[in-house]
Amino acid sequence: MLIYLSFLIFTGLISESIQAEKPIREYVVKKDMVAGFKAGQFSIYSDQDEKNLKYRIESYYSPMQKIELQTYPQKKVIGKLDAHQLGTWYEAIIEILDTRNMSNTWFTGHIKRSFAWFSDRYTVHLAERTILMKSKIVSRTFRFFNERNKLLALYKMRFFVASGVTKYDLKIFSNEFPDTVYILAIAAHDHKRAKVFGNDSRE
């Protein structure tokens, strides 16, 4: 059993370093240091220098995670998430504005964490489509796949111990879904992680 677990960890770390496709867009998602009595808030930049602030995630005062994704500086709401969590169980209702065209269509769906051995998995249902978000054991990288197992996006967590700052590098490989889906999914996993491991920014 120990040998098998070691093999899974080793292969997970190797595969994490392999990236076959070049991203069409990249973001840096930076968590606020202090959010008060709210769920985590984030700044989303479209450049590695963190000079071009593209979006903001703002949260409400709520016992649960209740957030909005807004464009910057217009502050137009393009995504919403309302979650419930108990221990490692997590589920959220999401609303997403399709920003890929001028239709101004809103889609409603949900994100749900599912149990899996040696991995962390979430399923996103949106507009009668399914996205699988998964990470291998001890990995800080999550990948998003469509129903045909095509890679849509991935993100990797960076945590700076000295400053306590948490950042995520988000890479988009497809226009099949609005980027909002992946940004809200990062916030969902971050909230679950913070609650489970007790490093919520509100503490």
C-alpha atoms as a PDB file:
ATOM      1  CA  MET A   1       0.000   0.000   0.000  1.00  0.00           C
ATOM      2  CA  LEU A   2       2.810   2.391   0.901  1.00  0.00           C
ATOM      3  CA  ILE A   3       4.612   1.626  -2.363  1.00  0.00           C
ATOM      4  CA  TYR A   4       1.410   2.225  -4.335  1.00  0.00           C
ATOM      5  CA  LEU A   5       0.782   5.542  -2.557  1.00  0.00           C
ATOM      6  CA  SER A   6       4.377   6.632  -3.219  1.00  0.00           C
ATOM      7  CA  PHE A   7       3.921   5.751  -6.899  1.00  0.00           C
ATOM      8  CA  LEU A   8       0.746   7.866  -7.122  1.00  0.00           C
ATOM      9  CA  ILE A   9       2.463  10.849  -5.520  1.00  0.00           C
ATOM     10  CA  PHE A  10       5.491  10.503  -7.813  1.00  0.00           C
ATOM     11  CA  THR A  11       3.445  10.204 -11.008  1.00  0.00           C
ATOM     12  CA  GLY A  12       1.205  13.076  -9.908  1.00  0.00           C
ATOM     13  CA  LEU A  13       4.165  15.386  -9.453  1.00  0.00           C
ATOM     14  CA  ILE A  14       5.643  14.362 -12.800  1.00  0.00           C
ATOM     15  CA  SER A  15       2.399  14.889 -14.704  1.00  0.00           C
ATOM     16  CA  GLU A  16       1.971  18.278 -13.047  1.00  0.00           C
ATOM     17  CA  SER A  17       5.093  19.510 -14.825  1.00  0.00           C
ATOM     18  CA  ILE A  18       3.799  18.384 -18.239  1.00  0.00           C
ATOM     19  CA  GLN A  19       1.783  20.928 -20.192  1.00  0.00           C
ATOM     20  CA  ALA A  20       1.020  20.031 -23.797  1.00  0.00           C
ATOM     21  CA  GLU A  21      -0.896  23.135 -24.798  1.00  0.00           C
ATOM     22  CA  LYS A  22      -0.151  26.837 -24.798  1.00  0.00           C
ATOM     23  CA  PRO A  23      -2.746  28.932 -22.917  1.00  0.00           C
ATOM     24  CA  ILE A  24      -4.808  31.499 -24.797  1.00  0.00           C
ATOM     25  CA  ARG A  25      -5.242  33.619 -21.650  1.00  0.00           C
ATOM     26  CA  GLU A  26      -3.605  33.746 -18.237  1.00  0.00           C
ATOM     27  CA  TYR A  27      -4.608  35.342 -14.944  1.00  0.00           C
ATOM     28  CA  VAL A  28      -3.155  35.832 -11.483  1.00  0.00           C
ATOM     29  CA  VAL A  29      -5.834  35.419  -8.804  1.00  0.00           C
ATOM     30  CA  LYS A  30      -4.705  37.057  -5.549  1.00  0.00           C
ATOM     31  CA  LYS A  31      -6.578  36.602  -2.290  1.00  0.00           C
ATOM     32  CA  ASP A  32      -7.081  39.596  -0.006  1.00  0.00           C
ATOM     33  CA  MET A  33      -5.154  39.432   3.259  1.00  0.00           C
ATOM     34  CA  VAL A  34      -8.125  40.517   5.390  1.00  0.00           C
ATOM     35  CA  ALA A  35     -11.768  40.026   4.479  1.00  0.00           C
ATOM     36  CA  GLY A  36     -13.438  40.768   7.821  1.00  0.00           C
ATOM     37  CA  PHE A  37     -16.393  38.521   8.656  1.00  0.00           C
ATOM     38  CA  LYS A  38     -16.852  37.533   5.029  1.00  0.00           C
ATOM     39  CA  ALA A  39     -15.775  34.781   2.667  1.00  0.00           C
ATOM     40  CA  GLY A  40     -12.488  35.346   0.846  1.00  0.00           C
ATOM     41  CA  GLN A  41     -12.201  38.228  -1.616  1.00  0.00           C
ATOM     42  CA  PHE A  42      -9.877  38.266  -4.606  1.00  0.00           C
ATOM     43  CA  SER A  43      -8.251  40.503  -7.218  1.00  0.00           C
ATOM     44  CA  ILE A  44      -7.830  38.973 -10.671  1.00  0.00           C
ATOM     45  CA  TYR A  45      -5.067  40.343 -12.908  1.00  0.00           C
ATOM     46  CA  SER A  46      -4.478  39.627 -16.596  1.00  0.00           C
ATOM     47  CA  ASP A  47      -0.702  40.028 -16.258  1.00  0.00           C
ATOM     48  CA  GLN A  48       2.025  38.514 -14.091  1.00  0.00           C
ATOM     49  CA  ASP A  49       3.136  41.963 -12.881  1.00  0.00           C
ATOM     50  CA  GLU A  50      -0.325  42.439 -11.304  1.00  0.00           C
ATOM     51  CA  LYS A  51      -0.806  45.863 -12.852  1.00  0.00           C
ATOM     52  CA  ASN A  52      -3.859  45.203 -15.013  1.00  0.00           C
ATOM     53  CA  LEU A  53      -6.726  44.502 -12.617  1.00  0.00           C
ATOM     54  CA  LYS A  54      -9.402  42.793 -14.715  1.00  0.00           C
ATOM     55  CA  TYR A  55     -11.912  41.457 -12.141  1.00  0.00           C
ATOM     56  CA  ARG A  56     -12.746  41.530  -8.444  1.00  0.00           C
ATOM     57  CA  ILE A  57     -14.490  38.952  -6.274  1.00  0.00           C
ATOM     58  CA  GLU A  58     -16.464  40.707  -3.557  1.00  0.00           C
ATOM     59  CA  SER A  59     -18.194  38.849  -0.727  1.00  0.00           C
ATOM     60  CA  TYR A  60     -21.246  39.529   1.432  1.00  0.00           C
ATOM     61  CA  TYR A  61     -21.530  39.337   5.197  1.00  0.00           C
ATOM     62  CA  SER A  62     -22.965  35.846   5.506  1.00  0.00           C
ATOM     63  CA  PRO A  63     -22.442  32.683   7.585  1.00  0.00           C
ATOM     64  CA  MET A  64     -21.910  30.890   4.264  1.00  0.00           C
ATOM     65  CA  GLN A  65     -19.884  31.765   1.169  1.00  0.00           C
ATOM     66  CA  LYS A  66     -21.790  34.345  -0.856  1.00  0.00           C
ATOM     67  CA  ILE A  67     -19.751  36.156  -3.511  1.00  0.00           C
ATOM     68  CA  GLU A  68     -19.968  38.160  -6.755  1.00  0.00           C
ATOM     69  CA  LEU A  69     -17.483  38.433  -9.603  1.00  0.00           C
ATOM     70  CA  GLN A  70     -17.310  41.966 -10.997  1.00  0.00           C
ATOM     71  CA  THR A  71     -15.486  43.535 -13.935  1.00  0.00           C
ATOM     72  CA  TYR A  72     -13.013  46.286 -13.086  1.00  0.00           C
ATOM     73  CA  PRO A  73     -13.292  49.261 -13.043  1.00  0.00           C
ATOM     74  CA  GLN A  74     -16.906  49.094 -14.323  1.00  0.00           C
ATOM     75  CA  LYS A  75     -18.057  46.893 -11.383  1.00  0.00           C
ATOM     76  CA  LYS A  76     -20.456  45.018 -13.644  1.00  0.00           C
ATOM     77  CA  VAL A  77     -21.564  41.744 -12.044  1.00  0.00           C
ATOM     78  CA  ILE A  78     -20.807  38.772 -14.336  1.00  0.00           C
ATOM     79  CA  GLY A  79     -20.909  35.907 -11.846  1.00  0.00           C
ATOM     80  CA  LYS A  80     -22.458  34.887  -8.511  1.00  0.00           C
ATOM     81  CA  LEU A  81     -21.856  31.998  -6.115  1.00  0.00           C
ATOM     82  CA  ASP A  82     -23.884  30.969  -3.078  1.00  0.00           C
ATOM     83  CA  ALA A  83     -22.400  27.991  -1.215  1.00  0.00           C
ATOM     84  CA  HIS A  84     -23.116  25.628   1.647  1.00  0.00           C
ATOM     85  CA  GLN A  85     -20.405  23.630   3.374  1.00  0.00           C
ATOM     86  CA  LEU A  86     -20.196  21.101   6.177  1.00  0.00           C
ATOM     87  CA  GLY A  87     -16.698  19.761   6.825  1.00  0.00           C
ATOM     88  CA  THR A  88     -15.290  18.529   3.506  1.00  0.00           C
ATOM     89  CA  TRP A  89     -18.763  18.496   1.894  1.00  0.00           C
ATOM     90  CA  TYR A  90     -19.224  21.516  -0.401  1.00  0.00           C
ATOM     91  CA  GLU A  91     -21.934  22.556  -2.850  1.00  0.00           C
ATOM     92  CA  ALA A  92     -22.701  25.924  -4.420  1.00  0.00           C
ATOM     93  CA  ILE A  93     -25.253  27.422  -6.786  1.00  0.00           C
ATOM     94  CA  ILE A  94     -23.621  29.567  -9.468  1.00  0.00           C
ATOM     95  CA  GLU A  95     -24.965  32.156 -11.900  1.00  0.00           C
ATOM     96  CA  ILE A  96     -22.776  33.149 -14.837  1.00  0.00           C
ATOM     97  CA  LEU A  97     -23.189  35.831 -17.504  1.00  0.00           C
ATOM     98  CA  ASP A  98     -21.981  34.670 -20.915  1.00  0.00           C
ATOM     99  CA  THR A  99     -19.389  37.349 -21.735  1.00  0.00           C
ATOM    100  CA  ARG A 100     -18.213  35.643 -24.941  1.00  0.00           C
ATOM    101  CA  ASN A 101     -20.841  37.459 -27.026  1.00  0.00           C
ATOM    102  CA  MET A 102     -23.425  40.253 -26.772  1.00  0.00           C
ATOM    103  CA  SER A 103     -26.354  38.001 -25.842  1.00  0.00           C
ATOM    104  CA  ASN A 104     -26.259  38.930 -22.125  1.00  0.00           C
ATOM    105  CA  THR A 105     -27.447  35.406 -21.338  1.00  0.00           C
ATOM    106  CA  TRP A 106     -27.299  34.224 -17.725  1.00  0.00           C
ATOM    107  CA  PHE A 107     -26.724  30.545 -16.968  1.00  0.00           C
ATOM    108  CA  THR A 108     -27.506  28.865 -13.659  1.00  0.00           C
ATOM    109  CA  GLY A 109     -25.670  25.791 -12.447  1.00  0.00           C
ATOM    110  CA  HIS A 110     -23.859  24.334  -9.472  1.00  0.00           C
ATOM    111  CA  ILE A 111     -20.466  23.210  -8.221  1.00  0.00           C
ATOM    112  CA  LYS A 112     -20.286  20.104  -6.046  1.00  0.00           C
ATOM    113  CA  ARG A 113     -17.337  18.374  -4.432  1.00  0.00           C
ATOM    114  CA  SER A 114     -17.348  14.615  -4.955  1.00  0.00           C
ATOM    115  CA  PHE A 115     -15.523  11.896  -3.056  1.00  0.00           C
ATOM    116  CA  ALA A 116     -12.577  10.214  -4.831  1.00  0.00           C
ATOM    117  CA  TRP A 117      -9.609   8.158  -3.665  1.00  0.00           C
ATOM    118  CA  PHE A 118      -6.223   9.897  -3.838  1.00  0.00           C
ATOM    119  CA  SER A 119      -7.626  13.002  -5.533  1.00  0.00           C
ATOM    120  CA  ASP A 120      -9.770  16.086  -4.986  1.00  0.00           C
ATOM    121  CA  ARG A 121     -12.691  16.423  -7.397  1.00  0.00           C
ATOM    122  CA  TYR A 122     -15.462  18.881  -8.120  1.00  0.00           C
ATOM    123  CA  THR A 123     -18.201  18.623 -10.724  1.00  0.00           C
ATOM    124  CA  VAL A 124     -19.543  21.766 -12.380  1.00  0.00           C
ATOM    125  CA  HIS A 125     -22.943  21.557 -14.094  1.00  0.00           C
ATOM    126  CA  LEU A 126     -23.765  24.552 -16.279  1.00  0.00           C
ATOM    127  CA  ALA A 127     -26.210  24.976 -19.188  1.00  0.00           C
ATOM    128  CA  GLU A 128     -26.718  21.206 -19.494  1.00  0.00           C
ATOM    129  CA  ARG A 129     -22.961  20.724 -19.727  1.00  0.00           C
ATOM    130  CA  THR A 130     -20.534  19.118 -17.280  1.00  0.00           C
ATOM    131  CA  ILE A 131     -17.013  20.171 -16.327  1.00  0.00           C
ATOM    132  CA  LEU A 132     -14.804  17.984 -14.159  1.00  0.00           C
ATOM    133  CA  MET A 133     -12.315  19.806 -11.931  1.00  0.00           C
ATOM    134  CA  LYS A 134      -9.716  17.533 -10.360  1.00  0.00           C
ATOM    135  CA  SER A 135      -6.355  17.432  -8.652  1.00  0.00           C
ATOM    136  CA  LYS A 136      -4.075  14.525  -7.771  1.00  0.00           C
ATOM    137  CA  ILE A 137      -3.033  13.865  -4.184  1.00  0.00           C
ATOM    138  CA  VAL A 138      -0.566  16.410  -2.671  1.00  0.00           C
ATOM    139  CA  SER A 139      -0.751  18.465  -5.884  1.00  0.00           C
ATOM    140  CA  ARG A 140      -1.510  22.199  -5.878  1.00  0.00           C
ATOM    141  CA  THR A 141      -2.693  22.061  -9.492  1.00  0.00           C
ATOM    142  CA  PHE A 142      -6.318  21.606 -10.537  1.00  0.00           C
ATOM    143  CA  ARG A 143      -7.312  20.822 -14.119  1.00  0.00           C
ATOM    144  CA  PHE A 144     -10.680  21.327 -15.814  1.00  0.00           C
ATOM    145  CA  PHE A 145     -11.951  18.847 -18.416  1.00  0.00           C
ATOM    146  CA  ASN A 146     -15.085  18.706 -20.552  1.00  0.00           C
ATOM    147  CA  GLU A 147     -17.173  15.588 -21.198  1.00  0.00           C
ATOM    148  CA  ARG A 148     -14.695  14.405 -23.847  1.00  0.00           C
ATOM    149  CA  ASN A 149     -11.782  14.748 -21.415  1.00  0.00           C
ATOM    150  CA  LYS A 150     -10.425  17.788 -23.252  1.00  0.00           C
ATOM    151  CA  LEU A 151      -8.300  20.121 -21.106  1.00  0.00           C
ATOM    152  CA  LEU A 152     -10.116  23.450 -20.739  1.00  0.00           C
ATOM    153  CA  ALA A 153      -8.093  25.247 -18.068  1.00  0.00           C
ATOM    154  CA  LEU A 154      -5.851  24.704 -15.066  1.00  0.00           C
ATOM    155  CA  TYR A 155      -4.706  26.611 -12.026  1.00  0.00           C
ATOM    156  CA  LYS A 156      -1.892  26.221  -9.550  1.00  0.00           C
ATOM    157  CA  MET A 157      -1.822  27.597  -6.033  1.00  0.00           C
ATOM    158  CA  ARG A 158       1.097  29.655  -4.757  1.00  0.00           C
ATOM    159  CA  PHE A 159       1.356  30.267  -1.007  1.00  0.00           C
ATOM    160  CA  PHE A 160       3.966  32.627   0.411  1.00  0.00           C
ATOM    161  CA  VAL A 161       4.654  31.491   3.980  1.00  0.00           C
ATOM    162  CA  ALA A 162       6.464  34.654   5.078  1.00  0.00           C
ATOM    163  CA  SER A 163       3.664  37.018   4.016  1.00  0.00           C
ATOM    164  CA  GLY A 164       0.705  34.645   4.219  1.00  0.00           C
ATOM    165  CA  VAL A 165      -0.394  35.706   0.714  1.00  0.00           C
ATOM    166  CA  THR A 166      -2.242  33.136  -1.408  1.00  0.00           C
ATOM    167  CA  LYS A 167      -2.157  33.399  -5.209  1.00  0.00           C
ATOM    168  CA  TYR A 168      -3.385  31.205  -8.039  1.00  0.00           C
ATOM    169  CA  ASP A 169      -1.971  31.075 -11.559  1.00  0.00           C
ATOM    170  CA  LEU A 170      -4.912  30.424 -13.906  1.00  0.00           C
ATOM    171  CA  LYS A 171      -4.329  29.296 -17.504  1.00  0.00           C
ATOM    172  CA  ILE A 172      -7.165  29.110 -20.054  1.00  0.00           C
ATOM    173  CA  PHE A 173      -6.865  26.769 -23.045  1.00  0.00           C
ATOM    174  CA  SER A 174     -10.349  26.977 -24.558  1.00  0.00           C
ATOM    175  CA  ASN A 175     -13.215  29.404 -25.201  1.00  0.00           C
ATOM    176  CA  GLU A 176     -15.763  26.628 -24.704  1.00  0.00           C
ATOM    177  CA  PHE A 177     -16.941  28.185 -21.425  1.00  0.00           C
ATOM    178  CA  PRO A 178     -16.725  31.719 -19.980  1.00  0.00           C
ATOM    179  CA  ASP A 179     -13.612  32.334 -17.868  1.00  0.00           C
ATOM    180  CA  THR A 180     -15.985  33.158 -15.003  1.00  0.00           C
ATOM    181  CA  VAL A 181     -16.543  29.425 -14.469  1.00  0.00           C
ATOM    182  CA  TYR A 182     -12.902  28.797 -13.590  1.00  0.00           C
ATOM    183  CA  ILE A 183     -12.514  31.924 -11.459  1.00  0.00           C
ATOM    184  CA  LEU A 184     -15.537  31.034  -9.325  1.00  0.00           C
ATOM    185  CA  ALA A 185     -14.279  27.451  -9.056  1.00  0.00           C
ATOM    186  CA  ILE A 186     -10.997  28.736  -7.603  1.00  0.00           C
ATOM    187  CA  ALA A 187     -12.933  30.716  -4.997  1.00  0.00           C
ATOM    188  CA  ALA A 188     -15.024  27.620  -4.214  1.00  0.00           C
ATOM    189  CA  HIS A 189     -12.013  25.392  -3.589  1.00  0.00           C
ATOM    190  CA  ASP A 190     -10.174  28.097  -1.652  1.00  0.00           C
ATOM    191  CA  HIS A 191     -13.149  28.486   0.672  1.00  0.00           C
ATOM    192  CA  LYS A 192     -13.387  24.740   1.258  1.00  0.00           C
ATOM    193  CA  ARG A 193      -9.626  24.517   1.859  1.00  0.00           C
ATOM    194  CA  ALA A 194      -9.628  27.448   4.282  1.00  0.00           C
ATOM    195  CA  LYS A 195     -12.526  26.016   6.293  1.00  0.00           C
ATOM    196  CA  VAL A 196     -11.117  22.492   6.485  1.00  0.00           C
ATOM    197  CA  PHE A 197      -7.540  23.455   7.342  1.00  0.00           C
ATOM    198  CA  GLY A 198      -8.424  26.403   9.560  1.00  0.00           C
ATOM    199  CA  ASN A 199      -6.491  29.058   7.630  1.00  0.00           C
ATOM    200  CA  ASP A 200      -9.455  31.188   6.661  1.00  0.00           C
ATOM    201  CA  SER A 201      -8.410  34.817   6.103  1.00  0.00           C
ATOM    202  CA  ARG A 202     -11.126  35.914   8.532  1.00  0.00           C
ATOM    203  CA  GLU A 203      -9.309  34.344  11.470  1.00  0.00           C
END
